[in-house]
All heavy atoms as atom14 arrays in JSON, in Angstrom:
{
  "sequence": "DHTKAFLEWKYQLKDIEVQKLTYNFLTEFEFYLKSKQKCNHNTTIKYL",
  "atom14_mask": [
    [1, 1, 1, 1, 1, 1, 1, 1, 0, 0, 0, 0, 0, 0],
    [1, 1, 1, 1, 1, 1, 1, 1, 1, 1, 0, 0, 0, 0],
    [1, 1, 1, 1, 1, 1, 1, 0, 0, 0, 0, 0, 0, 0],
    [1, 1, 1, 1, 1, 1, 1, 1, 1, 0, 0, 0, 0, 0],
    [1, 1, 1, 1, 1, 0, 0, 0, 0, 0, 0, 0, 0, 0],
    [1, 1, 1, 1, 1, 1, 1, 1, 1, 1, 1, 0, 0, 0],
    [1, 1, 1, 1, 1, 1, 1, 1, 0, 0, 0, 0, 0, 0],
    [1, 1, 1, 1, 1, 1, 1, 1, 1, 0, 0, 0, 0, 0],
    [1, 1, 1, 1, 1, 1, 1, 1, 1, 1, 1, 1, 1, 1],
    [1, 1, 1, 1, 1, 1, 1, 1, 1, 0, 0, 0, 0, 0],
    [1, 1, 1, 1, 1, 1, 1, 1, 1, 1, 1, 1, 0, 0],
    [1, 1, 1, 1, 1, 1, 1, 1, 1, 0, 0, 0, 0, 0],
    [1, 1, 1, 1, 1, 1, 1, 1, 0, 0, 0, 0, 0, 0],
    [1, 1, 1, 1, 1, 1, 1, 1, 1, 0, 0, 0, 0, 0],
    [1, 1, 1, 1, 1, 1, 1, 1, 0, 0, 0, 0, 0, 0],
    [1, 1, 1, 1, 1, 1, 1, 1, 0, 0, 0, 0, 0, 0],
    [1, 1, 1, 1, 1, 1, 1, 1, 1, 0, 0, 0, 0, 0],
    [1, 1, 1, 1, 1, 1, 1, 0, 0, 0, 0, 0, 0, 0],
    [1, 1, 1, 1, 1, 1, 1, 1, 1, 0, 0, 0, 0, 0],
    [1, 1, 1, 1, 1, 1, 1, 1, 1, 0, 0, 0, 0, 0],
    [1, 1, 1, 1, 1, 1, 1, 1, 0, 0, 0, 0, 0, 0],
    [1, 1, 1, 1, 1, 1, 1, 0, 0, 0, 0, 0, 0, 0],
    [1, 1, 1, 1, 1, 1, 1, 1, 1, 1, 1, 1, 0, 0],
    [1, 1, 1, 1, 1, 1, 1, 1, 0, 0, 0, 0, 0, 0],
    [1, 1, 1, 1, 1, 1, 1, 1, 1, 1, 1, 0, 0, 0],
    [1, 1, 1, 1, 1, 1, 1, 1, 0, 0, 0, 0, 0, 0],
    [1, 1, 1, 1, 1, 1, 1, 0, 0, 0, 0, 0, 0, 0],
    [1, 1, 1, 1, 1, 1, 1, 1, 1, 0, 0, 0, 0, 0],
    [1, 1, 1, 1, 1, 1, 1, 1, 1, 1, 1, 0, 0, 0],
    [1, 1, 1, 1, 1, 1, 1, 1, 1, 0, 0, 0, 0, 0],
    [1, 1, 1, 1, 1, 1, 1, 1, 1, 1, 1, 0, 0, 0],
    [1, 1, 1, 1, 1, 1, 1, 1, 1, 1, 1, 1, 0, 0],
    [1, 1, 1, 1, 1, 1, 1, 1, 0, 0, 0, 0, 0, 0],
    [1, 1, 1, 1, 1, 1, 1, 1, 1, 0, 0, 0, 0, 0],
    [1, 1, 1, 1, 1, 1, 0, 0, 0, 0, 0, 0, 0, 0],
    [1, 1, 1, 1, 1, 1, 1, 1, 1, 0, 0, 0, 0, 0],
    [1, 1, 1, 1, 1, 1, 1, 1, 1, 0, 0, 0, 0, 0],
    [1, 1, 1, 1, 1, 1, 1, 1, 1, 0, 0, 0, 0, 0],
    [1, 1, 1, 1, 1, 1, 0, 0, 0, 0, 0, 0, 0, 0],
    [1, 1, 1, 1, 1, 1, 1, 1, 0, 0, 0, 0, 0, 0],
    [1, 1, 1, 1, 1, 1, 1, 1, 1, 1, 0, 0, 0, 0],
    [1, 1, 1, 1, 1, 1, 1, 1, 0, 0, 0, 0, 0, 0],
    [1, 1, 1, 1, 1, 1, 1, 0, 0, 0, 0, 0, 0, 0],
    [1, 1, 1, 1, 1, 1, 1, 0, 0, 0, 0, 0, 0, 0],
    [1, 1, 1, 1, 1, 1, 1, 1, 0, 0, 0, 0, 0, 0],
    [1, 1, 1, 1, 1, 1, 1, 1, 1, 0, 0, 0, 0, 0],
    [1, 1, 1, 1, 1, 1, 1, 1, 1, 1, 1, 1, 0, 0],
    [1, 1, 1, 1, 1, 1, 1, 1, 0, 0, 0, 0, 0, 0]
  ],
  "atom14_positions": [
    [[102.63, 127.77, 121.92], [103.62, 126.83, 122.48], [104.89, 127.56, 122.92], [105.46, 127.27, 123.98], [103.97, 125.76, 121.45], [102.79, 124.83, 121.17], [101.88, 124.76, 122.01], [102.79, 124.19, 120.09], [0.0, 0.0, 0.0], [0.0, 0.0, 0.0], [0.0, 0.0, 0.0], [0.0, 0.0, 0.0], [0.0, 0.0, 0.0], [0.0, 0.0, 0.0]],
    [[105.34, 128.52, 122.1], [106.53, 129.3, 122.46], [106.27, 130.15, 123.71], [107.15, 130.27, 124.58], [106.93, 130.23, 121.3], [107.67, 129.53, 120.2], [108.67, 128.61, 120.43], [107.57, 129.64, 118.84], [109.14, 128.17, 119.28], [108.5, 128.78, 118.3], [0.0, 0.0, 0.0], [0.0, 0.0, 0.0], [0.0, 0.0, 0.0], [0.0, 0.0, 0.0]],
    [[105.08, 130.72, 123.8], [104.72, 131.55, 124.96], [104.69, 130.72, 126.23], [105.21, 131.12, 127.28], [103.35, 132.23, 124.75], [103.35, 132.94, 123.51], [103.05, 133.2, 125.89], [0.0, 0.0, 0.0], [0.0, 0.0, 0.0], [0.0, 0.0, 0.0], [0.0, 0.0, 0.0], [0.0, 0.0, 0.0], [0.0, 0.0, 0.0], [0.0, 0.0, 0.0]],
    [[104.12, 129.54, 126.13], [104.05, 128.63, 127.28], [105.44, 128.22, 127.74], [105.75, 128.24, 128.94], [103.23, 127.39, 126.89], [103.05, 126.4, 128.02], [102.2, 125.21, 127.56], [102.03, 124.21, 128.7], [101.23, 123.03, 128.25], [0.0, 0.0, 0.0], [0.0, 0.0, 0.0], [0.0, 0.0, 0.0], [0.0, 0.0, 0.0], [0.0, 0.0, 0.0]],
    [[106.3, 127.87, 126.78], [107.67, 127.47, 127.11], [108.46, 128.63, 127.71], [109.27, 128.44, 128.64], [108.38, 126.96, 125.85], [0.0, 0.0, 0.0], [0.0, 0.0, 0.0], [0.0, 0.0, 0.0], [0.0, 0.0, 0.0], [0.0, 0.0, 0.0], [0.0, 0.0, 0.0], [0.0, 0.0, 0.0], [0.0, 0.0, 0.0], [0.0, 0.0, 0.0]],
    [[108.2, 129.84, 127.2], [108.89, 131.04, 127.73], [108.52, 131.29, 129.19], [109.38, 131.61, 130.02], [108.54, 132.25, 126.88], [108.92, 133.57, 127.49], [110.25, 133.93, 127.64], [107.93, 134.45, 127.95], [110.61, 135.15, 128.22], [108.28, 135.66, 128.52], [109.61, 136.01, 128.66], [0.0, 0.0, 0.0], [0.0, 0.0, 0.0], [0.0, 0.0, 0.0]],
    [[107.24, 131.16, 129.52], [106.79, 131.39, 130.9], [107.46, 130.42, 131.87], [107.85, 130.8, 132.98], [105.27, 131.24, 130.99], [104.43, 132.37, 130.38], [102.96, 132.0, 130.36], [104.63, 133.66, 131.16], [0.0, 0.0, 0.0], [0.0, 0.0, 0.0], [0.0, 0.0, 0.0], [0.0, 0.0, 0.0], [0.0, 0.0, 0.0], [0.0, 0.0, 0.0]],
    [[107.61, 129.19, 131.45], [108.27, 128.19, 132.3], [109.77, 128.46, 132.4], [110.36, 128.28, 133.46], [108.0, 126.79, 131.74], [106.53, 126.39, 131.81], [106.27, 125.03, 131.18], [107.2, 124.48, 130.55], [105.13, 124.53, 131.29], [0.0, 0.0, 0.0], [0.0, 0.0, 0.0], [0.0, 0.0, 0.0], [0.0, 0.0, 0.0], [0.0, 0.0, 0.0]],
    [[110.39, 128.89, 131.28], [111.83, 129.14, 131.25], [112.21, 130.39, 132.05], [113.16, 130.36, 132.85], [112.29, 129.3, 129.8], [113.71, 129.74, 129.65], [114.84, 128.97, 129.77], [114.18, 131.07, 129.36], [115.97, 129.72, 129.56], [115.59, 131.02, 129.31], [113.53, 132.29, 129.12], [116.36, 132.15, 129.03], [114.3, 133.41, 128.84], [115.7, 133.34, 128.81]],
    [[111.45, 131.46, 131.87], [111.81, 132.74, 132.49], [111.26, 132.91, 133.9], [111.96, 133.37, 134.8], [111.31, 133.88, 131.6], [111.58, 135.29, 132.13], [113.07, 135.58, 132.19], [113.33, 136.99, 132.73], [114.78, 137.27, 132.82], [0.0, 0.0, 0.0], [0.0, 0.0, 0.0], [0.0, 0.0, 0.0], [0.0, 0.0, 0.0], [0.0, 0.0, 0.0]],
    [[110.0, 132.54, 134.1], [109.34, 132.84, 135.37], [108.95, 131.59, 136.17], [108.4, 131.72, 137.27], [108.07, 133.67, 135.12], [108.33, 134.95, 134.34], [107.97, 135.05, 133.01], [108.94, 136.05, 134.95], [108.19, 136.21, 132.29], [109.17, 137.22, 134.25], [108.8, 137.29, 132.92], [109.03, 138.45, 132.21], [0.0, 0.0, 0.0], [0.0, 0.0, 0.0]],
    [[109.22, 130.4, 135.62], [108.8, 129.15, 136.25], [107.3, 129.16, 136.55], [106.83, 128.75, 137.62], [109.58, 128.89, 137.56], [111.06, 128.62, 137.37], [111.86, 129.88, 137.07], [111.77, 130.84, 137.85], [112.61, 129.89, 135.99], [0.0, 0.0, 0.0], [0.0, 0.0, 0.0], [0.0, 0.0, 0.0], [0.0, 0.0, 0.0], [0.0, 0.0, 0.0]],
    [[106.52, 129.64, 135.58], [105.07, 129.74, 135.72], [104.38, 128.89, 134.67], [104.87, 128.72, 133.55], [104.62, 131.2, 135.56], [105.05, 132.19, 136.64], [104.62, 133.6, 136.24], [104.44, 131.83, 137.99], [0.0, 0.0, 0.0], [0.0, 0.0, 0.0], [0.0, 0.0, 0.0], [0.0, 0.0, 0.0], [0.0, 0.0, 0.0], [0.0, 0.0, 0.0]],
    [[103.19, 128.38, 135.01], [102.37, 127.65, 134.06], [101.5, 128.6, 133.24], [101.05, 128.28, 132.15], [101.47, 126.65, 134.79], [102.22, 125.54, 135.52], [102.95, 124.64, 134.53], [103.63, 123.48, 135.26], [104.38, 122.6, 134.31], [0.0, 0.0, 0.0], [0.0, 0.0, 0.0], [0.0, 0.0, 0.0], [0.0, 0.0, 0.0], [0.0, 0.0, 0.0]],
    [[101.27, 129.8, 133.8], [100.48, 130.83, 133.13], [100.73, 132.15, 133.83], [101.42, 132.19, 134.86], [98.98, 130.47, 133.17], [98.18, 131.11, 132.03], [98.7, 132.04, 131.4], [97.05, 130.66, 131.78], [0.0, 0.0, 0.0], [0.0, 0.0, 0.0], [0.0, 0.0, 0.0], [0.0, 0.0, 0.0], [0.0, 0.0, 0.0], [0.0, 0.0, 0.0]],
    [[100.2, 133.24, 133.29], [100.41, 134.56, 133.9], [99.16, 135.4, 133.72], [98.48, 135.32, 132.67], [101.63, 135.27, 133.27], [101.96, 136.56, 134.03], [101.4, 135.55, 131.78], [103.26, 137.21, 133.58], [0.0, 0.0, 0.0], [0.0, 0.0, 0.0], [0.0, 0.0, 0.0], [0.0, 0.0, 0.0], [0.0, 0.0, 0.0], [0.0, 0.0, 0.0]],
    [[98.81, 136.19, 134.73], [97.66, 137.08, 134.63], [97.92, 138.13, 133.56], [99.03, 138.67, 133.46], [97.39, 137.76, 135.97], [97.0, 136.81, 137.08], [96.82, 137.51, 138.41], [96.72, 138.76, 138.41], [96.81, 136.83, 139.45], [0.0, 0.0, 0.0], [0.0, 0.0, 0.0], [0.0, 0.0, 0.0], [0.0, 0.0, 0.0], [0.0, 0.0, 0.0]],
    [[96.91, 138.42, 132.76], [97.09, 139.39, 131.68], [97.45, 140.77, 132.23], [98.15, 141.56, 131.56], [95.84, 139.47, 130.78], [95.6, 138.16, 130.08], [94.61, 139.89, 131.57], [0.0, 0.0, 0.0], [0.0, 0.0, 0.0], [0.0, 0.0, 0.0], [0.0, 0.0, 0.0], [0.0, 0.0, 0.0], [0.0, 0.0, 0.0], [0.0, 0.0, 0.0]],
    [[97.0, 141.09, 133.44], [97.3, 142.39, 134.05], [98.79, 142.57, 134.32], [99.27, 143.69, 134.49], [96.52, 142.57, 135.36], [95.02, 142.67, 135.17], [94.29, 142.8, 136.5], [94.89, 142.64, 137.57], [92.99, 143.08, 136.44], [0.0, 0.0, 0.0], [0.0, 0.0, 0.0], [0.0, 0.0, 0.0], [0.0, 0.0, 0.0], [0.0, 0.0, 0.0]],
    [[99.53, 141.47, 134.37], [100.95, 141.54, 134.69], [101.84, 141.61, 133.45], [103.07, 141.59, 133.56], [101.35, 140.34, 135.55], [100.69, 140.35, 136.93], [101.15, 139.18, 137.78], [100.5, 139.22, 139.17], [100.93, 138.07, 140.01], [0.0, 0.0, 0.0], [0.0, 0.0, 0.0], [0.0, 0.0, 0.0], [0.0, 0.0, 0.0], [0.0, 0.0, 0.0]],
    [[101.23, 141.68, 132.26], [102.01, 141.81, 131.03], [102.6, 143.21, 130.93], [101.89, 144.2, 131.08], [101.12, 141.52, 129.81], [100.57, 140.11, 129.7], [99.67, 140.0, 128.47], [101.69, 139.09, 129.62], [0.0, 0.0, 0.0], [0.0, 0.0, 0.0], [0.0, 0.0, 0.0], [0.0, 0.0, 0.0], [0.0, 0.0, 0.0], [0.0, 0.0, 0.0]],
    [[103.88, 143.28, 130.68], [104.58, 144.57, 130.64], [105.47, 144.65, 129.4], [105.67, 143.66, 128.69], [105.46, 144.76, 131.88], [106.47, 143.72, 131.89], [104.65, 144.7, 133.15], [0.0, 0.0, 0.0], [0.0, 0.0, 0.0], [0.0, 0.0, 0.0], [0.0, 0.0, 0.0], [0.0, 0.0, 0.0], [0.0, 0.0, 0.0], [0.0, 0.0, 0.0]],
    [[106.02, 145.82, 129.19], [106.97, 146.04, 128.1], [108.18, 145.13, 128.29], [108.69, 144.54, 127.33], [107.4, 147.51, 128.11], [108.38, 147.89, 127.02], [107.94, 148.38, 125.79], [109.76, 147.77, 127.23], [108.83, 148.73, 124.8], [110.66, 148.12, 126.23], [110.19, 148.61, 125.02], [111.08, 148.95, 124.04], [0.0, 0.0, 0.0], [0.0, 0.0, 0.0]],
    [[108.62, 144.98, 129.52], [109.76, 144.13, 129.82], [109.47, 142.67, 129.48], [110.36, 141.94, 129.02], [110.14, 144.25, 131.3], [111.34, 143.4, 131.66], [111.22, 142.36, 132.3], [112.53, 143.83, 131.23], [0.0, 0.0, 0.0], [0.0, 0.0, 0.0], [0.0, 0.0, 0.0], [0.0, 0.0, 0.0], [0.0, 0.0, 0.0], [0.0, 0.0, 0.0]],
    [[108.24, 142.24, 129.69], [107.83, 140.88, 129.33], [108.08, 140.63, 127.85], [108.59, 139.58, 127.45], [106.35, 140.68, 129.66], [105.79, 139.33, 129.28], [105.8, 138.27, 130.16], [105.25, 139.14, 128.0], [105.29, 137.03, 129.8], [104.73, 137.9, 127.64], [104.76, 136.84, 128.54], [0.0, 0.0, 0.0], [0.0, 0.0, 0.0], [0.0, 0.0, 0.0]],
    [[107.74, 141.62, 127.02], [107.9, 141.48, 125.57], [109.36, 141.46, 125.16], [109.76, 140.67, 124.29], [107.18, 142.64, 124.87], [105.67, 142.75, 125.13], [105.1, 143.97, 124.43], [104.95, 141.48, 124.67], [0.0, 0.0, 0.0], [0.0, 0.0, 0.0], [0.0, 0.0, 0.0], [0.0, 0.0, 0.0], [0.0, 0.0, 0.0], [0.0, 0.0, 0.0]],
    [[110.19, 142.32, 125.76], [111.61, 142.33, 125.41], [112.29, 141.02, 125.81], [113.15, 140.52, 125.09], [112.33, 143.51, 126.08], [112.17, 143.43, 127.51], [111.78, 144.85, 125.6], [0.0, 0.0, 0.0], [0.0, 0.0, 0.0], [0.0, 0.0, 0.0], [0.0, 0.0, 0.0], [0.0, 0.0, 0.0], [0.0, 0.0, 0.0], [0.0, 0.0, 0.0]],
    [[111.86, 140.46, 126.95], [112.42, 139.18, 127.38], [111.95, 138.04, 126.47], [112.71, 137.12, 126.17], [112.0, 138.89, 128.83], [112.62, 139.82, 129.87], [114.13, 139.59, 130.0], [114.63, 138.52, 129.59], [114.81, 140.49, 130.5], [0.0, 0.0, 0.0], [0.0, 0.0, 0.0], [0.0, 0.0, 0.0], [0.0, 0.0, 0.0], [0.0, 0.0, 0.0]],
    [[110.71, 138.12, 126.02], [110.17, 137.11, 125.11], [110.9, 137.18, 123.76], [111.23, 136.15, 123.17], [108.68, 137.34, 124.92], [107.97, 136.25, 124.14], [108.33, 134.92, 124.27], [106.94, 136.57, 123.27], [107.68, 133.92, 123.55], [106.28, 135.58, 122.54], [106.65, 134.25, 122.69], [0.0, 0.0, 0.0], [0.0, 0.0, 0.0], [0.0, 0.0, 0.0]],
    [[111.16, 138.39, 123.29], [111.9, 138.56, 122.04], [113.3, 137.96, 122.17], [113.77, 137.25, 121.27], [112.01, 140.05, 121.69], [112.78, 140.32, 120.41], [112.92, 141.8, 120.11], [112.81, 142.62, 121.05], [113.17, 142.15, 118.93], [0.0, 0.0, 0.0], [0.0, 0.0, 0.0], [0.0, 0.0, 0.0], [0.0, 0.0, 0.0], [0.0, 0.0, 0.0]],
    [[113.95, 138.22, 123.3], [115.28, 137.66, 123.55], [115.23, 136.13, 123.57], [116.09, 135.45, 122.99], [115.83, 138.18, 124.88], [117.09, 137.49, 125.33], [118.32, 137.8, 124.76], [117.04, 136.5, 126.33], [119.48, 137.15, 125.17], [118.19, 135.85, 126.74], [119.42, 136.18, 126.15], [0.0, 0.0, 0.0], [0.0, 0.0, 0.0], [0.0, 0.0, 0.0]],
    [[114.22, 135.58, 124.22], [114.06, 134.14, 124.32], [113.91, 133.5, 122.94], [114.54, 132.48, 122.64], [112.83, 133.82, 125.19], [112.38, 132.38, 125.13], [113.04, 131.39, 125.85], [111.29, 132.02, 124.33], [112.62, 130.07, 125.79], [110.87, 130.7, 124.27], [111.53, 129.73, 124.99], [111.12, 128.42, 124.92], [0.0, 0.0, 0.0], [0.0, 0.0, 0.0]],
    [[113.07, 134.09, 122.1], [112.83, 133.53, 120.77], [114.1, 133.51, 119.92], [114.38, 132.55, 119.21], [111.75, 134.34, 120.05], [110.32, 134.18, 120.59], [109.39, 135.19, 119.92], [109.8, 132.76, 120.37], [0.0, 0.0, 0.0], [0.0, 0.0, 0.0], [0.0, 0.0, 0.0], [0.0, 0.0, 0.0], [0.0, 0.0, 0.0], [0.0, 0.0, 0.0]],
    [[114.89, 134.58, 120.03], [116.1, 134.68, 119.22], [117.26, 133.84, 119.78], [117.99, 133.2, 119.02], [116.54, 136.15, 119.11], [115.6, 137.0, 118.27], [116.08, 138.44, 118.18], [115.19, 139.26, 117.27], [115.63, 140.67, 117.16], [0.0, 0.0, 0.0], [0.0, 0.0, 0.0], [0.0, 0.0, 0.0], [0.0, 0.0, 0.0], [0.0, 0.0, 0.0]],
    [[117.39, 133.84, 121.1], [118.55, 133.16, 121.71], [118.31, 131.69, 121.99], [119.18, 130.85, 121.72], [118.94, 133.86, 123.01], [117.89, 133.77, 123.97], [0.0, 0.0, 0.0], [0.0, 0.0, 0.0], [0.0, 0.0, 0.0], [0.0, 0.0, 0.0], [0.0, 0.0, 0.0], [0.0, 0.0, 0.0], [0.0, 0.0, 0.0], [0.0, 0.0, 0.0]],
    [[117.14, 131.34, 122.5], [116.87, 129.96, 122.89], [116.2, 129.14, 121.78], [116.51, 127.98, 121.59], [116.0, 129.92, 124.16], [116.63, 130.61, 125.36], [117.96, 129.98, 125.73], [118.62, 130.71, 126.91], [119.93, 130.09, 127.24], [0.0, 0.0, 0.0], [0.0, 0.0, 0.0], [0.0, 0.0, 0.0], [0.0, 0.0, 0.0], [0.0, 0.0, 0.0]],
    [[115.28, 129.79, 121.06], [114.58, 129.08, 119.97], [115.27, 129.27, 118.62], [114.85, 128.68, 117.62], [113.13, 129.57, 119.89], [112.29, 129.23, 121.1], [112.16, 127.74, 121.32], [112.18, 126.95, 120.39], [112.02, 127.34, 122.59], [0.0, 0.0, 0.0], [0.0, 0.0, 0.0], [0.0, 0.0, 0.0], [0.0, 0.0, 0.0], [0.0, 0.0, 0.0]],
    [[116.31, 130.12, 118.58], [117.09, 130.35, 117.36], [116.23, 130.85, 116.19], [116.47, 130.51, 115.03], [117.82, 129.08, 116.93], [118.67, 128.44, 118.03], [119.73, 129.41, 118.56], [120.56, 128.77, 119.66], [121.54, 129.71, 120.26], [0.0, 0.0, 0.0], [0.0, 0.0, 0.0], [0.0, 0.0, 0.0], [0.0, 0.0, 0.0], [0.0, 0.0, 0.0]],
    [[115.22, 131.67, 116.5], [114.38, 132.25, 115.45], [115.1, 133.46, 114.85], [115.73, 134.23, 115.59], [113.03, 132.71, 116.02], [112.04, 131.39, 116.73], [0.0, 0.0, 0.0], [0.0, 0.0, 0.0], [0.0, 0.0, 0.0], [0.0, 0.0, 0.0], [0.0, 0.0, 0.0], [0.0, 0.0, 0.0], [0.0, 0.0, 0.0], [0.0, 0.0, 0.0]],
    [[114.99, 133.65, 113.54], [115.57, 134.85, 112.95], [114.69, 136.05, 113.28], [113.6, 135.91, 113.86], [115.77, 134.69, 111.44], [114.46, 134.51, 110.68], [113.43, 135.08, 111.02], [114.5, 133.69, 109.63], [0.0, 0.0, 0.0], [0.0, 0.0, 0.0], [0.0, 0.0, 0.0], [0.0, 0.0, 0.0], [0.0, 0.0, 0.0], [0.0, 0.0, 0.0]],
    [[115.14, 137.23, 112.9], [114.44, 138.45, 113.31], [113.0, 138.49, 112.82], [112.07, 138.76, 113.59], [115.2, 139.69, 112.8], [114.51, 140.98, 113.11], [114.58, 141.56, 114.36], [113.73, 141.79, 112.34], [113.86, 142.69, 114.35], [113.35, 142.84, 113.14], [0.0, 0.0, 0.0], [0.0, 0.0, 0.0], [0.0, 0.0, 0.0], [0.0, 0.0, 0.0]],
    [[112.79, 138.23, 111.53], [111.45, 138.33, 110.97], [110.5, 137.29, 111.53], [109.31, 137.56, 111.75], [111.51, 138.22, 109.44], [112.04, 139.49, 108.8], [112.34, 140.47, 109.47], [112.17, 139.48, 107.5], [0.0, 0.0, 0.0], [0.0, 0.0, 0.0], [0.0, 0.0, 0.0], [0.0, 0.0, 0.0], [0.0, 0.0, 0.0], [0.0, 0.0, 0.0]],
    [[111.0, 136.09, 111.79], [110.16, 135.04, 112.39], [109.77, 135.45, 113.81], [108.62, 135.25, 114.24], [110.91, 133.7, 112.42], [111.25, 133.32, 111.09], [110.05, 132.61, 113.05], [0.0, 0.0, 0.0], [0.0, 0.0, 0.0], [0.0, 0.0, 0.0], [0.0, 0.0, 0.0], [0.0, 0.0, 0.0], [0.0, 0.0, 0.0], [0.0, 0.0, 0.0]],
    [[110.72, 136.03, 114.53], [110.43, 136.52, 115.89], [109.33, 137.57, 115.86], [108.41, 137.54, 116.69], [111.71, 137.13, 116.52], [112.71, 136.11, 116.63], [111.42, 137.71, 117.89], [0.0, 0.0, 0.0], [0.0, 0.0, 0.0], [0.0, 0.0, 0.0], [0.0, 0.0, 0.0], [0.0, 0.0, 0.0], [0.0, 0.0, 0.0], [0.0, 0.0, 0.0]],
    [[109.41, 138.49, 114.91], [108.4, 139.55, 114.8], [107.04, 138.95, 114.48], [106.0, 139.43, 114.97], [108.81, 140.58, 113.72], [110.09, 141.31, 114.15], [107.7, 141.59, 113.47], [110.0, 142.04, 115.47], [0.0, 0.0, 0.0], [0.0, 0.0, 0.0], [0.0, 0.0, 0.0], [0.0, 0.0, 0.0], [0.0, 0.0, 0.0], [0.0, 0.0, 0.0]],
    [[106.99, 137.9, 113.67], [105.72, 137.26, 113.35], [105.08, 136.67, 114.62], [103.87, 136.81, 114.83], [105.93, 136.15, 112.32], [106.2, 136.66, 110.91], [106.41, 135.5, 109.95], [106.74, 136.01, 108.55], [107.01, 134.88, 107.61], [0.0, 0.0, 0.0], [0.0, 0.0, 0.0], [0.0, 0.0, 0.0], [0.0, 0.0, 0.0], [0.0, 0.0, 0.0]],
    [[105.89, 136.02, 115.46], [105.36, 135.46, 116.7], [104.87, 136.58, 117.63], [103.81, 136.44, 118.27], [106.42, 134.62, 117.4], [106.74, 133.32, 116.7], [108.05, 132.86, 116.58], [105.72, 132.52, 116.17], [108.35, 131.66, 115.93], [106.0, 131.32, 115.53], [107.32, 130.9, 115.41], [107.61, 129.72, 114.78], [0.0, 0.0, 0.0], [0.0, 0.0, 0.0]],
    [[105.62, 137.65, 117.7], [105.22, 138.78, 118.54], [103.94, 139.43, 118.02], [103.1, 139.89, 118.8], [106.35, 139.81, 118.62], [107.54, 139.41, 119.51], [108.73, 140.31, 119.25], [107.14, 139.47, 120.99], [0.0, 0.0, 0.0], [0.0, 0.0, 0.0], [0.0, 0.0, 0.0], [0.0, 0.0, 0.0], [0.0, 0.0, 0.0], [0.0, 0.0, 0.0]]
  ]
}
């Protein structure tokens, strides 16, 4: 659910091809979880 919401928030996408997953995608997802979803560090790491 968090991944789906992140794709819509960051890229305005309903889904993304796995070939397009990058290191930057992960750093942006980490930022999203901490800043928008207010997850603490350890909870963020669990989702990642």
